[in-house]
PDB file of N, CA and C in Angstrom:
ATOM      1  N   MET A   1      -3.308 -19.378   9.640  1.00  0.00           N
ATOM      2  CA  MET A   1      -3.783 -18.292   8.797  1.00  0.00           C
ATOM      3  C   MET A   1      -3.473 -16.953   9.463  1.00  0.00           C
ATOM      4  N   SER A   2      -3.076 -15.992   8.664  1.00  0.00           N
ATOM      5  CA  SER A   2      -2.702 -14.675   9.170  1.00  0.00           C
ATOM      6  C   SER A   2      -3.925 -13.797   9.363  1.00  0.00           C
ATOM      7  N   ASP A   3      -3.879 -13.014  10.415  1.00  0.00           N
ATOM      8  CA  ASP A   3      -4.932 -12.035  10.663  1.00  0.00           C
ATOM      9  C   ASP A   3      -4.711 -10.767   9.845  1.00  0.00           C
ATOM     10  N   TYR A   4      -3.457 -10.533   9.485  1.00  0.00           N
ATOM     11  CA  TYR A   4      -3.062  -9.306   8.805  1.00  0.00           C
ATOM     12  C   TYR A   4      -2.297  -9.635   7.528  1.00  0.00           C
ATOM     13  N   THR A   5      -2.364  -8.705   6.590  1.00  0.00           N
ATOM     14  CA  THR A   5      -1.529  -8.772   5.398  1.00  0.00           C
ATOM     15  C   THR A   5      -0.828  -7.434   5.277  1.00  0.00           C
ATOM     16  N   ILE A   6       0.460  -7.468   5.009  1.00  0.00           N
ATOM     17  CA  ILE A   6       1.207  -6.229   4.798  1.00  0.00           C
ATOM     18  C   ILE A   6       1.719  -6.205   3.364  1.00  0.00           C
ATOM     19  N   TRP A   7       1.372  -5.130   2.638  1.00  0.00           N
ATOM     20  CA  TRP A   7       1.950  -4.891   1.316  1.00  0.00           C
ATOM     21  C   TRP A   7       3.317  -4.300   1.616  1.00  0.00           C
ATOM     22  N   HIS A   8       4.345  -5.066   1.316  1.00  0.00           N
ATOM     23  CA  HIS A   8       5.674  -4.805   1.849  1.00  0.00           C
ATOM     24  C   HIS A   8       6.723  -4.694   0.750  1.00  0.00           C
ATOM     25  N   ASN A   9       7.626  -3.757   0.952  1.00  0.00           N
ATOM     26  CA  ASN A   9       8.829  -3.638   0.131  1.00  0.00           C
ATOM     27  C   ASN A   9      10.009  -3.750   1.093  1.00  0.00           C
ATOM     28  N   PRO A  10      10.724  -4.877   1.078  1.00  0.00           N
ATOM     29  CA  PRO A  10      11.825  -5.077   2.017  1.00  0.00           C
ATOM     30  C   PRO A  10      12.925  -4.019   1.931  1.00  0.00           C
ATOM     31  N   ARG A  11      13.024  -3.326   0.821  1.00  0.00           N
ATOM     32  CA  ARG A  11      14.058  -2.289   0.655  1.00  0.00           C
ATOM     33  C   ARG A  11      13.654  -0.962   1.295  1.00  0.00           C
ATOM     34  N   CYS A  12      12.401  -0.842   1.708  1.00  0.00           N
ATOM     35  CA  CYS A  12      11.875   0.405   2.275  1.00  0.00           C
ATOM     36  C   CYS A  12      11.980   0.369   3.802  1.00  0.00           C
ATOM     37  N   SER A  13      12.639   1.362   4.381  1.00  0.00           N
ATOM     38  CA  SER A  13      12.812   1.391   5.835  1.00  0.00           C
ATOM     39  C   SER A  13      11.476   1.517   6.560  1.00  0.00           C
ATOM     40  N   LYS A  14      10.554   2.300   6.036  1.00  0.00           N
ATOM     41  CA  LYS A  14       9.235   2.458   6.671  1.00  0.00           C
ATOM     42  C   LYS A  14       8.468   1.142   6.652  1.00  0.00           C
ATOM     43  N   SER A  15       8.587   0.413   5.566  1.00  0.00           N
ATOM     44  CA  SER A  15       7.933  -0.874   5.445  1.00  0.00           C
ATOM     45  C   SER A  15       8.533  -1.874   6.438  1.00  0.00           C
ATOM     46  N   ARG A  16       9.833  -1.881   6.548  1.00  0.00           N
ATOM     47  CA  ARG A  16      10.495  -2.769   7.513  1.00  0.00           C
ATOM     48  C   ARG A  16      10.109  -2.411   8.945  1.00  0.00           C
ATOM     49  N   GLU A  17      10.023  -1.106   9.231  1.00  0.00           N
ATOM     50  CA  GLU A  17       9.623  -0.660  10.569  1.00  0.00           C
ATOM     51  C   GLU A  17       8.198  -1.111  10.894  1.00  0.00           C
ATOM     52  N   ALA A  18       7.297  -0.968   9.934  1.00  0.00           N
ATOM     53  CA  ALA A  18       5.904  -1.365  10.161  1.00  0.00           C
ATOM     54  C   ALA A  18       5.806  -2.865  10.423  1.00  0.00           C
ATOM     55  N   LEU A  19       6.504  -3.665   9.643  1.00  0.00           N
ATOM     56  CA  LEU A  19       6.488  -5.112   9.841  1.00  0.00           C
ATOM     57  C   LEU A  19       7.065  -5.473  11.209  1.00  0.00           C
ATOM     58  N   SER A  20       8.130  -4.817  11.592  1.00  0.00           N
ATOM     59  CA  SER A  20       8.741  -5.056  12.896  1.00  0.00           C
ATOM     60  C   SER A  20       7.781  -4.699  14.029  1.00  0.00           C
ATOM     61  N   LEU A  21       7.066  -3.600  13.891  1.00  0.00           N
ATOM     62  CA  LEU A  21       6.082  -3.197  14.898  1.00  0.00           C
ATOM     63  C   LEU A  21       4.987  -4.252  15.053  1.00  0.00           C
ATOM     64  N   LEU A  22       4.474  -4.730  13.931  1.00  0.00           N
ATOM     65  CA  LEU A  22       3.446  -5.770  13.978  1.00  0.00           C
ATOM     66  C   LEU A  22       3.971  -7.010  14.685  1.00  0.00           C
ATOM     67  N   GLU A  23       5.164  -7.419  14.319  1.00  0.00           N
ATOM     68  CA  GLU A  23       5.751  -8.618  14.917  1.00  0.00           C
ATOM     69  C   GLU A  23       5.995  -8.430  16.412  1.00  0.00           C
ATOM     70  N   SER A  24       6.415  -7.232  16.811  1.00  0.00           N
ATOM     71  CA  SER A  24       6.682  -6.968  18.228  1.00  0.00           C
ATOM     72  C   SER A  24       5.409  -7.024  19.068  1.00  0.00           C
ATOM     73  N   LYS A  25       4.274  -6.809  18.444  1.00  0.00           N
ATOM     74  CA  LYS A  25       2.983  -6.865  19.132  1.00  0.00           C
ATOM     75  C   LYS A  25       2.325  -8.235  19.005  1.00  0.00           C
ATOM     76  N   GLY A  26       3.043  -9.177  18.383  1.00  0.00           N
ATOM     77  CA  GLY A  26       2.519 -10.533  18.258  1.00  0.00           C
ATOM     78  C   GLY A  26       1.519 -10.721  17.133  1.00  0.00           C
ATOM     79  N   ALA A  27       1.439  -9.753  16.222  1.00  0.00           N
ATOM     80  CA  ALA A  27       0.506  -9.849  15.096  1.00  0.00           C
ATOM     81  C   ALA A  27       1.074 -10.803  14.047  1.00  0.00           C
ATOM     82  N   ASN A  28       0.271 -11.732  13.613  1.00  0.00           N
ATOM     83  CA  ASN A  28       0.658 -12.698  12.591  1.00  0.00           C
ATOM     84  C   ASN A  28       0.331 -12.088  11.227  1.00  0.00           C
ATOM     85  N   ALA A  29       1.351 -11.597  10.528  1.00  0.00           N
ATOM     86  CA  ALA A  29       1.134 -10.885   9.270  1.00  0.00           C
ATOM     87  C   ALA A  29       1.690 -11.658   8.081  1.00  0.00           C
ATOM     88  N   ALA A  30       0.839 -11.859   7.082  1.00  0.00           N
ATOM     89  CA  ALA A  30       1.291 -12.418   5.807  1.00  0.00           C
ATOM     90  C   ALA A  30       1.948 -11.291   5.022  1.00  0.00           C
ATOM     91  N   VAL A  31       3.093 -11.570   4.448  1.00  0.00           N
ATOM     92  CA  VAL A  31       3.828 -10.556   3.700  1.00  0.00           C
ATOM     93  C   VAL A  31       3.527 -10.701   2.215  1.00  0.00           C
ATOM     94  N   PHE A  32       3.002  -9.623   1.626  1.00  0.00           N
ATOM     95  CA  PHE A  32       2.718  -9.566   0.194  1.00  0.00           C
ATOM     96  C   PHE A  32       3.727  -8.617  -0.422  1.00  0.00           C
ATOM     97  N   LYS A  33       4.696  -9.163  -1.141  1.00  0.00           N
ATOM     98  CA  LYS A  33       5.729  -8.343  -1.780  1.00  0.00           C
ATOM     99  C   LYS A  33       5.174  -7.850  -3.116  1.00  0.00           C
ATOM    100  N   TYR A  34       4.487  -6.726  -3.031  1.00  0.00           N
ATOM    101  CA  TYR A  34       3.723  -6.220  -4.167  1.00  0.00           C
ATOM    102  C   TYR A  34       4.583  -5.827  -5.372  1.00  0.00           C
ATOM    103  N   LEU A  35       5.868  -5.620  -5.186  1.00  0.00           N
ATOM    104  CA  LEU A  35       6.727  -5.304  -6.325  1.00  0.00           C
ATOM    105  C   LEU A  35       7.127  -6.561  -7.092  1.00  0.00           C
ATOM    106  N   GLU A  36       6.960  -7.710  -6.472  1.00  0.00           N
ATOM    107  CA  GLU A  36       7.354  -8.975  -7.095  1.00  0.00           C
ATOM    108  C   GLU A  36       6.162  -9.793  -7.593  1.00  0.00           C
ATOM    109  N   GLN A  37       4.975  -9.486  -7.112  1.00  0.00           N
ATOM    110  CA  GLN A  37       3.794 -10.265  -7.462  1.00  0.00           C
ATOM    111  C   GLN A  37       2.852  -9.437  -8.331  1.00  0.00           C
ATOM    112  N   LYS A  38       2.055 -10.117  -9.102  1.00  0.00           N
ATOM    113  CA  LYS A  38       1.115  -9.458 -10.008  1.00  0.00           C
ATOM    114  C   LYS A  38       0.036  -8.725  -9.215  1.00  0.00           C
ATOM    115  N   ILE A  39      -0.188  -7.483  -9.577  1.00  0.00           N
ATOM    116  CA  ILE A  39      -1.234  -6.671  -8.969  1.00  0.00           C
ATOM    117  C   ILE A  39      -2.217  -6.282 -10.067  1.00  0.00           C
ATOM    118  N   THR A  40      -3.499  -6.392  -9.757  1.00  0.00           N
ATOM    119  CA  THR A  40      -4.525  -6.009 -10.720  1.00  0.00           C
ATOM    120  C   THR A  40      -5.194  -4.706 -10.291  1.00  0.00           C
ATOM    121  N   ALA A  41      -5.862  -4.092 -11.235  1.00  0.00           N
ATOM    122  CA  ALA A  41      -6.624  -2.881 -10.929  1.00  0.00           C
ATOM    123  C   ALA A  41      -7.699  -3.182  -9.890  1.00  0.00           C
ATOM    124  N   GLU A  42      -8.287  -4.367  -9.964  1.00  0.00           N
ATOM    125  CA  GLU A  42      -9.325  -4.759  -9.006  1.00  0.00           C
ATOM    126  C   GLU A  42      -8.755  -4.837  -7.589  1.00  0.00           C
ATOM    127  N   MET A  43      -7.544  -5.351  -7.458  1.00  0.00           N
ATOM    128  CA  MET A  43      -6.900  -5.423  -6.141  1.00  0.00           C
ATOM    129  C   MET A  43      -6.689  -4.020  -5.573  1.00  0.00           C
ATOM    130  N   ILE A  44      -6.275  -3.107  -6.419  1.00  0.00           N
ATOM    131  CA  ILE A  44      -6.032  -1.734  -5.966  1.00  0.00           C
ATOM    132  C   ILE A  44      -7.342  -1.056  -5.597  1.00  0.00           C
ATOM    133  N   GLU A  45      -8.391  -1.275  -6.387  1.00  0.00           N
ATOM    134  CA  GLU A  45      -9.705  -0.706  -6.054  1.00  0.00           C
ATOM    135  C   GLU A  45     -10.183  -1.206  -4.696  1.00  0.00           C
ATOM    136  N   GLU A  46     -10.033  -2.499  -4.458  1.00  0.00           N
ATOM    137  CA  GLU A  46     -10.434  -3.078  -3.173  1.00  0.00           C
ATOM    138  C   GLU A  46      -9.611  -2.473  -2.041  1.00  0.00           C
ATOM    139  N   LEU A  47      -8.335  -2.314  -2.277  1.00  0.00           N
ATOM    140  CA  LEU A  47      -7.455  -1.722  -1.282  1.00  0.00           C
ATOM    141  C   LEU A  47      -7.857  -0.280  -0.968  1.00  0.00           C
ATOM    142  N   LEU A  48      -8.151   0.487  -2.004  1.00  0.00           N
ATOM    143  CA  LEU A  48      -8.575   1.879  -1.803  1.00  0.00           C
ATOM    144  C   LEU A  48      -9.857   1.945  -0.984  1.00  0.00           C
ATOM    145  N   ASN A  49     -10.783   1.035  -1.240  1.00  0.00           N
ATOM    146  CA  ASN A  49     -12.028   0.993  -0.457  1.00  0.00           C
ATOM    147  C   ASN A  49     -11.740   0.706   1.007  1.00  0.00           C
ATOM    148  N   LYS A  50     -10.841  -0.208   1.270  1.00  0.00           N
ATOM    149  CA  LYS A  50     -10.489  -0.539   2.649  1.00  0.00           C
ATOM    150  C   LYS A  50      -9.756   0.612   3.332  1.00  0.00           C
ATOM    151  N   LEU A  51      -8.937   1.324   2.571  1.00  0.00           N
ATOM    152  CA  LEU A  51      -8.204   2.471   3.108  1.00  0.00           C
ATOM    153  C   LEU A  51      -9.101   3.696   3.272  1.00  0.00           C
ATOM    154  N   GLY A  52     -10.128   3.787   2.429  1.00  0.00           N
ATOM    155  CA  GLY A  52     -11.008   4.958   2.453  1.00  0.00           C
ATOM    156  C   GLY A  52     -10.352   6.198   1.889  1.00  0.00           C
ATOM    157  N   ILE A  53      -9.485   6.004   0.880  1.00  0.00           N
ATOM    158  CA  ILE A  53      -8.797   7.137   0.259  1.00  0.00           C
ATOM    159  C   ILE A  53      -8.938   7.061  -1.263  1.00  0.00           C
ATOM    160  N   SER A  54      -8.549   8.139  -1.920  1.00  0.00           N
ATOM    161  CA  SER A  54      -8.574   8.179  -3.381  1.00  0.00           C
ATOM    162  C   SER A  54      -7.293   7.576  -3.942  1.00  0.00           C
ATOM    163  N   ALA A  55      -7.317   7.268  -5.212  1.00  0.00           N
ATOM    164  CA  ALA A  55      -6.133   6.741  -5.887  1.00  0.00           C
ATOM    165  C   ALA A  55      -4.982   7.752  -5.813  1.00  0.00           C
ATOM    166  N   LYS A  56      -5.298   9.014  -5.958  1.00  0.00           N
ATOM    167  CA  LYS A  56      -4.269  10.070  -5.910  1.00  0.00           C
ATOM    168  C   LYS A  56      -3.526  10.046  -4.578  1.00  0.00           C
ATOM    169  N   GLU A  57      -4.244   9.730  -3.493  1.00  0.00           N
ATOM    170  CA  GLU A  57      -3.637   9.713  -2.166  1.00  0.00           C
ATOM    171  C   GLU A  57      -2.724   8.507  -1.946  1.00  0.00           C
ATOM    172  N   LEU A  58      -2.829   7.503  -2.797  1.00  0.00           N
ATOM    173  CA  LEU A  58      -2.007   6.301  -2.674  1.00  0.00           C
ATOM    174  C   LEU A  58      -0.747   6.372  -3.537  1.00  0.00           C
ATOM    175  N   LEU A  59      -0.639   7.404  -4.345  1.00  0.00           N
ATOM    176  CA  LEU A  59       0.495   7.533  -5.264  1.00  0.00           C
ATOM    177  C   LEU A  59       1.751   8.063  -4.591  1.00  0.00           C
ATOM    178  N   ARG A  60       2.875   7.474  -4.979  1.00  0.00           N
ATOM    179  CA  ARG A  60       4.195   7.982  -4.582  1.00  0.00           C
ATOM    180  C   ARG A  60       4.597   9.015  -5.646  1.00  0.00           C
ATOM    181  N   THR A  61       4.508  10.259  -5.287  1.00  0.00           N
ATOM    182  CA  THR A  61       4.697  11.343  -6.258  1.00  0.00           C
ATOM    183  C   THR A  61       6.152  11.624  -6.595  1.00  0.00           C
ATOM    184  N   LYS A  62       7.088  11.046  -5.861  1.00  0.00           N
ATOM    185  CA  LYS A  62       8.499  11.314  -6.132  1.00  0.00           C
ATOM    186  C   LYS A  62       9.141  10.243  -7.009  1.00  0.00           C
ATOM    187  N   GLU A  63       8.366   9.244  -7.395  1.00  0.00           N
ATOM    188  CA  GLU A  63       8.890   8.205  -8.287  1.00  0.00           C
ATOM    189  C   GLU A  63       9.016   8.753  -9.704  1.00  0.00           C
ATOM    190  N   GLU A  64      10.008   8.276 -10.424  1.00  0.00           N
ATOM    191  CA  GLU A  64      10.244   8.708 -11.809  1.00  0.00           C
ATOM    192  C   GLU A  64       9.012   8.470 -12.685  1.00  0.00           C
ATOM    193  N   GLU A  65       8.340   7.337 -12.460  1.00  0.00           N
ATOM    194  CA  GLU A  65       7.157   6.991 -13.255  1.00  0.00           C
ATOM    195  C   GLU A  65       6.023   8.012 -13.093  1.00  0.00           C
ATOM    196  N   TYR A  66       5.929   8.602 -11.931  1.00  0.00           N
ATOM    197  CA  TYR A  66       4.893   9.605 -11.676  1.00  0.00           C
ATOM    198  C   TYR A  66       5.035  10.759 -12.665  1.00  0.00           C
ATOM    199  N   ALA A  67       6.253  11.242 -12.832  1.00  0.00           N
ATOM    200  CA  ALA A  67       6.517  12.342 -13.759  1.00  0.00           C
ATOM    201  C   ALA A  67       6.433  11.874 -15.210  1.00  0.00           C
ATOM    202  N   SER A  68       7.055  10.739 -15.504  1.00  0.00           N
ATOM    203  CA  SER A  68       7.110  10.290 -16.902  1.00  0.00           C
ATOM    204  C   SER A  68       5.736   9.924 -17.461  1.00  0.00           C
ATOM    205  N   LEU A  69       4.827   9.498 -16.586  1.00  0.00           N
ATOM    206  CA  LEU A  69       3.469   9.161 -17.034  1.00  0.00           C
ATOM    207  C   LEU A  69       2.533  10.372 -16.997  1.00  0.00           C
ATOM    208  N   GLY A  70       3.028  11.508 -16.532  1.00  0.00           N
ATOM    209  CA  GLY A  70       2.216  12.724 -16.483  1.00  0.00           C
ATOM    210  C   GLY A  70       1.031  12.624 -15.542  1.00  0.00           C
ATOM    211  N   LEU A  71       1.256  12.076 -14.346  1.00  0.00           N
ATOM    212  CA  LEU A  71       0.143  11.828 -13.423  1.00  0.00           C
ATOM    213  C   LEU A  71      -0.188  13.005 -12.512  1.00  0.00           C
ATOM    214  N   LYS A  72       0.646  14.031 -12.537  1.00  0.00           N
ATOM    215  CA  LYS A  72       0.428  15.165 -11.629  1.00  0.00           C
ATOM    216  C   LYS A  72      -0.966  15.777 -11.775  1.00  0.00           C
ATOM    217  N   ASP A  73      -1.404  15.971 -12.991  1.00  0.00           N
ATOM    218  CA  ASP A  73      -2.699  16.611 -13.225  1.00  0.00           C
ATOM    219  C   ASP A  73      -3.818  15.623 -13.554  1.00  0.00           C
ATOM    220  N   GLU A  74      -3.510  14.328 -13.478  1.00  0.00           N
ATOM    221  CA  GLU A  74      -4.525  13.309 -13.793  1.00  0.00           C
ATOM    222  C   GLU A  74      -5.548  13.235 -12.661  1.00  0.00           C
ATOM    223  N   ARG A  75      -6.823  13.265 -13.025  1.00  0.00           N
ATOM    224  CA  ARG A  75      -7.903  13.204 -12.036  1.00  0.00           C
ATOM    225  C   ARG A  75      -8.750  11.942 -12.187  1.00  0.00           C
ATOM    226  N   ASP A  76      -8.588  11.241 -13.275  1.00  0.00           N
ATOM    227  CA  ASP A  76      -9.386  10.048 -13.552  1.00  0.00           C
ATOM    228  C   ASP A  76      -8.911   8.890 -12.670  1.00  0.00           C
ATOM    229  N   GLU A  77      -9.754   8.477 -11.725  1.00  0.00           N
ATOM    230  CA  GLU A  77      -9.396   7.408 -10.789  1.00  0.00           C
ATOM    231  C   GLU A  77      -8.994   6.127 -11.512  1.00  0.00           C
ATOM    232  N   LYS A  78      -9.736   5.773 -12.544  1.00  0.00           N
ATOM    233  CA  LYS A  78      -9.448   4.528 -13.285  1.00  0.00           C
ATOM    234  C   LYS A  78      -8.047   4.572 -13.899  1.00  0.00           C
ATOM    235  N   LYS A  79      -7.685   5.715 -14.480  1.00  0.00           N
ATOM    236  CA  LYS A  79      -6.359   5.839 -15.084  1.00  0.00           C
ATOM    237  C   LYS A  79      -5.258   5.763 -14.034  1.00  0.00           C
ATOM    238  N   LEU A  80      -5.490   6.361 -12.881  1.00  0.00           N
ATOM    239  CA  LEU A  80      -4.502   6.311 -11.811  1.00  0.00           C
ATOM    240  C   LEU A  80      -4.343   4.884 -11.278  1.00  0.00           C
ATOM    241  N   ILE A  81      -5.448   4.193 -11.133  1.00  0.00           N
ATOM    242  CA  ILE A  81      -5.419   2.806 -10.661  1.00  0.00           C
ATOM    243  C   ILE A  81      -4.697   1.917 -11.660  1.00  0.00           C
ATOM    244  N   LEU A  82      -4.982   2.094 -12.943  1.00  0.00           N
ATOM    245  CA  LEU A  82      -4.290   1.309 -13.971  1.00  0.00           C
ATOM    246  C   LEU A  82      -2.793   1.599 -13.976  1.00  0.00           C
ATOM    247  N   ALA A  83      -2.433   2.854 -13.772  1.00  0.00           N
ATOM    248  CA  ALA A  83      -1.014   3.217 -13.724  1.00  0.00           C
ATOM    249  C   ALA A  83      -0.325   2.503 -12.559  1.00  0.00           C
ATOM    250  N   MET A  84      -0.988   2.433 -11.410  1.00  0.00           N
ATOM    251  CA  MET A  84      -0.403   1.747 -10.259  1.00  0.00           C
ATOM    252  C   MET A  84      -0.310   0.238 -10.499  1.00  0.00           C
ATOM    253  N   ALA A  85      -1.299  -0.325 -11.165  1.00  0.00           N
ATOM    254  CA  ALA A  85      -1.272  -1.757 -11.463  1.00  0.00           C
ATOM    255  C   ALA A  85      -0.114  -2.083 -12.411  1.00  0.00           C
ATOM    256  N   GLU A  86       0.133  -1.207 -13.367  1.00  0.00           N
ATOM    257  CA  GLU A  86       1.211  -1.426 -14.328  1.00  0.00           C
ATOM    258  C   GLU A  86       2.587  -1.041 -13.780  1.00  0.00           C
ATOM    259  N   HIS A  87       2.598  -0.125 -12.833  1.00  0.00           N
ATOM    260  CA  HIS A  87       3.854   0.381 -12.249  1.00  0.00           C
ATOM    261  C   HIS A  87       3.715   0.385 -10.725  1.00  0.00           C
ATOM    262  N   PRO A  88       3.824  -0.774 -10.081  1.00  0.00           N
ATOM    263  CA  PRO A  88       3.574  -0.852  -8.642  1.00  0.00           C
ATOM    264  C   PRO A  88       4.505  -0.005  -7.776  1.00  0.00           C
ATOM    265  N   LYS A  89       5.627   0.450  -8.329  1.00  0.00           N
ATOM    266  CA  LYS A  89       6.483   1.363  -7.564  1.00  0.00           C
ATOM    267  C   LYS A  89       5.732   2.636  -7.191  1.00  0.00           C
ATOM    268  N   LEU A  90       4.667   2.931  -7.906  1.00  0.00           N
ATOM    269  CA  LEU A  90       3.883   4.130  -7.643  1.00  0.00           C
ATOM    270  C   LEU A  90       3.018   4.019  -6.385  1.00  0.00           C
ATOM    271  N   ILE A  91       2.875   2.810  -5.847  1.00  0.00           N
ATOM    272  CA  ILE A  91       1.999   2.594  -4.694  1.00  0.00           C
ATOM    273  C   ILE A  91       2.752   2.933  -3.407  1.00  0.00           C
ATOM    274  N   GLU A  92       2.143   3.804  -2.623  1.00  0.00           N
ATOM    275  CA  GLU A  92       2.721   4.170  -1.328  1.00  0.00           C
ATOM    276  C   GLU A  92       2.737   2.951  -0.425  1.00  0.00           C
ATOM    277  N   ARG A  93       3.686   2.885   0.466  1.00  0.00           N
ATOM    278  CA  ARG A  93       3.835   1.738   1.340  1.00  0.00           C
ATOM    279  C   ARG A  93       4.302   2.188   2.714  1.00  0.00           C
ATOM    280  N   PRO A  94       4.193   1.315   3.670  1.00  0.00           N
ATOM    281  CA  PRO A  94       3.548   0.009   3.686  1.00  0.00           C
ATOM    282  C   PRO A  94       2.048   0.144   3.896  1.00  0.00           C
ATOM    283  N   ILE A  95       1.333  -0.900   3.546  1.00  0.00           N
ATOM    284  CA  ILE A  95      -0.112  -0.952   3.764  1.00  0.00           C
ATOM    285  C   ILE A  95      -0.389  -2.229   4.547  1.00  0.00           C
ATOM    286  N   VAL A  96      -1.156  -2.103   5.611  1.00  0.00           N
ATOM    287  CA  VAL A  96      -1.532  -3.270   6.402  1.00  0.00           C
ATOM    288  C   VAL A  96      -3.040  -3.424   6.328  1.00  0.00           C
ATOM    289  N   ILE A  97      -3.465  -4.655   6.079  1.00  0.00           N
ATOM    290  CA  ILE A  97      -4.882  -4.976   5.916  1.00  0.00           C
ATOM    291  C   ILE A  97      -5.299  -5.953   7.000  1.00  0.00           C
ATOM    292  N   LYS A  98      -6.469  -5.699   7.572  1.00  0.00           N
ATOM    293  CA  LYS A  98      -7.108  -6.634   8.501  1.00  0.00           C
ATOM    294  C   LYS A  98      -8.592  -6.636   8.164  1.00  0.00           C
ATOM    295  N   GLY A  99      -9.052  -7.747   7.603  1.00  0.00           N
ATOM    296  CA  GLY A  99     -10.468  -7.850   7.249  1.00  0.00           C
ATOM    297  C   GLY A  99     -10.871  -6.803   6.232  1.00  0.00           C
ATOM    298  N   LYS A 100     -11.858  -5.987   6.600  1.00  0.00           N
ATOM    299  CA  LYS A 100     -12.393  -4.973   5.685  1.00  0.00           C
ATOM    300  C   LYS A 100     -11.751  -3.609   5.866  1.00  0.00           C
ATOM    301  N   LYS A 101     -10.703  -3.554   6.690  1.00  0.00           N
ATOM    302  CA  LYS A 101     -10.022  -2.287   6.940  1.00  0.00           C
ATOM    303  C   LYS A 101      -8.559  -2.386   6.565  1.00  0.00           C
ATOM    304  N   ALA A 102      -7.992  -1.239   6.242  1.00  0.00           N
ATOM    305  CA  ALA A 102      -6.566  -1.155   5.932  1.00  0.00           C
ATOM    306  C   ALA A 102      -6.063   0.200   6.392  1.00  0.00           C
ATOM    307  N   VAL A 103      -4.760   0.265   6.587  1.00  0.00           N
ATOM    308  CA  VAL A 103      -4.133   1.518   6.986  1.00  0.00           C
ATOM    309  C   VAL A 103      -2.796   1.650   6.259  1.00  0.00           C
ATOM    310  N   LEU A 104      -2.511   2.875   5.865  1.00  0.00           N
ATOM    311  CA  LEU A 104      -1.236   3.207   5.242  1.00  0.00           C
ATOM    312  C   LEU A 104      -0.253   3.540   6.364  1.00  0.00           C
ATOM    313  N   GLY A 105       0.849   2.833   6.417  1.00  0.00           N
ATOM    314  CA  GLY A 105       1.817   2.982   7.500  1.00  0.00           C
ATOM    315  C   GLY A 105       2.757   4.153   7.338  1.00  0.00           C
ATOM    316  N   ARG A 106       2.223   5.329   7.213  1.00  0.00           N
ATOM    317  CA  ARG A 106       3.000   6.563   7.150  1.00  0.00           C
ATOM    318  C   ARG A 106       2.477   7.499   8.229  1.00  0.00           C
ATOM    319  N   PRO A 107       3.128   7.619   9.341  1.00  0.00           N
ATOM    320  CA  PRO A 107       4.324   6.922   9.775  1.00  0.00           C
ATOM    321  C   PRO A 107       4.025   5.462  10.129  1.00  0.00           C
ATOM    322  N   PRO A 108       5.062   4.641  10.279  1.00  0.00           N
ATOM    323  CA  PRO A 108       4.860   3.216  10.530  1.00  0.00           C
ATOM    324  C   PRO A 108       3.946   2.908  11.723  1.00  0.00           C
ATOM    325  N   GLU A 109       3.954   3.759  12.731  1.00  0.00           N
ATOM    326  CA  GLU A 109       3.129   3.532  13.927  1.00  0.00           C
ATOM    327  C   GLU A 109       1.637   3.501  13.623  1.00  0.00           C
ATOM    328  N   LYS A 110       1.232   4.048  12.498  1.00  0.00           N
ATOM    329  CA  LYS A 110      -0.188   4.040  12.122  1.00  0.00           C
ATOM    330  C   LYS A 110      -0.734   2.632  11.974  1.00  0.00           C
ATOM    331  N   VAL A 111       0.132   1.668  11.665  1.00  0.00           N
ATOM    332  CA  VAL A 111      -0.342   0.293  11.499  1.00  0.00           C
ATOM    333  C   VAL A 111      -0.893  -0.267  12.806  1.00  0.00           C
ATOM    334  N   LEU A 112      -0.467   0.284  13.914  1.00  0.00           N
ATOM    335  CA  LEU A 112      -0.947  -0.172  15.211  1.00  0.00           C
ATOM    336  C   LEU A 112      -2.437   0.110  15.405  1.00  0.00           C
ATOM    337  N   GLU A 113      -2.996   1.040  14.637  1.00  0.00           N
ATOM    338  CA  GLU A 113      -4.432   1.338  14.718  1.00  0.00           C
ATOM    339  C   GLU A 113      -5.284   0.107  14.453  1.00  0.00           C
ATOM    340  N   LEU A 114      -4.789  -0.808  13.632  1.00  0.00           N
ATOM    341  CA  LEU A 114      -5.548  -2.009  13.301  1.00  0.00           C
ATOM    342  C   LEU A 114      -5.499  -3.056  14.418  1.00  0.00           C
ATOM    343  N   LEU A 115      -4.601  -2.888  15.360  1.00  0.00           N
ATOM    344  CA  LEU A 115      -4.461  -3.857  16.447  1.00  0.00           C
ATOM    345  C   LEU A 115      -5.473  -3.650  17.561  1.00  0.00           C
ATOM    346  N   TRP A 116      -6.045  -2.498  17.656  1.00  0.00           N
ATOM    347  CA  TRP A 116      -6.929  -2.198  18.784  1.00  0.00           C
ATOM    348  C   TRP A 116      -8.362  -2.409  18.442  1.00  0.00           C
TER     349      TRP A 116
END
């Protein structure tokens, strides 16, 4: 069983760097390819609680969907969470989870915070 889970996009260099860092430290991480697997609003809410951030802070603002869905001025957390569930490209990455805590790997070295 893995101690860690990484929400990972193999095409993302930051995500690959974070996974490599975990592996170099001997961390056993389960890889969750969030762009390929079903994500629910409940999963995102749980993730936000573990991260301790708002939905707005988890959004990738440079994605086409961000503009096309008109999310720039959206303040409703539920609507932002639903948008991320329907369009997972909007979720910032990588995210590493350990138990009740999670960290956004921007920069990738931030994931090391969960190791100590």
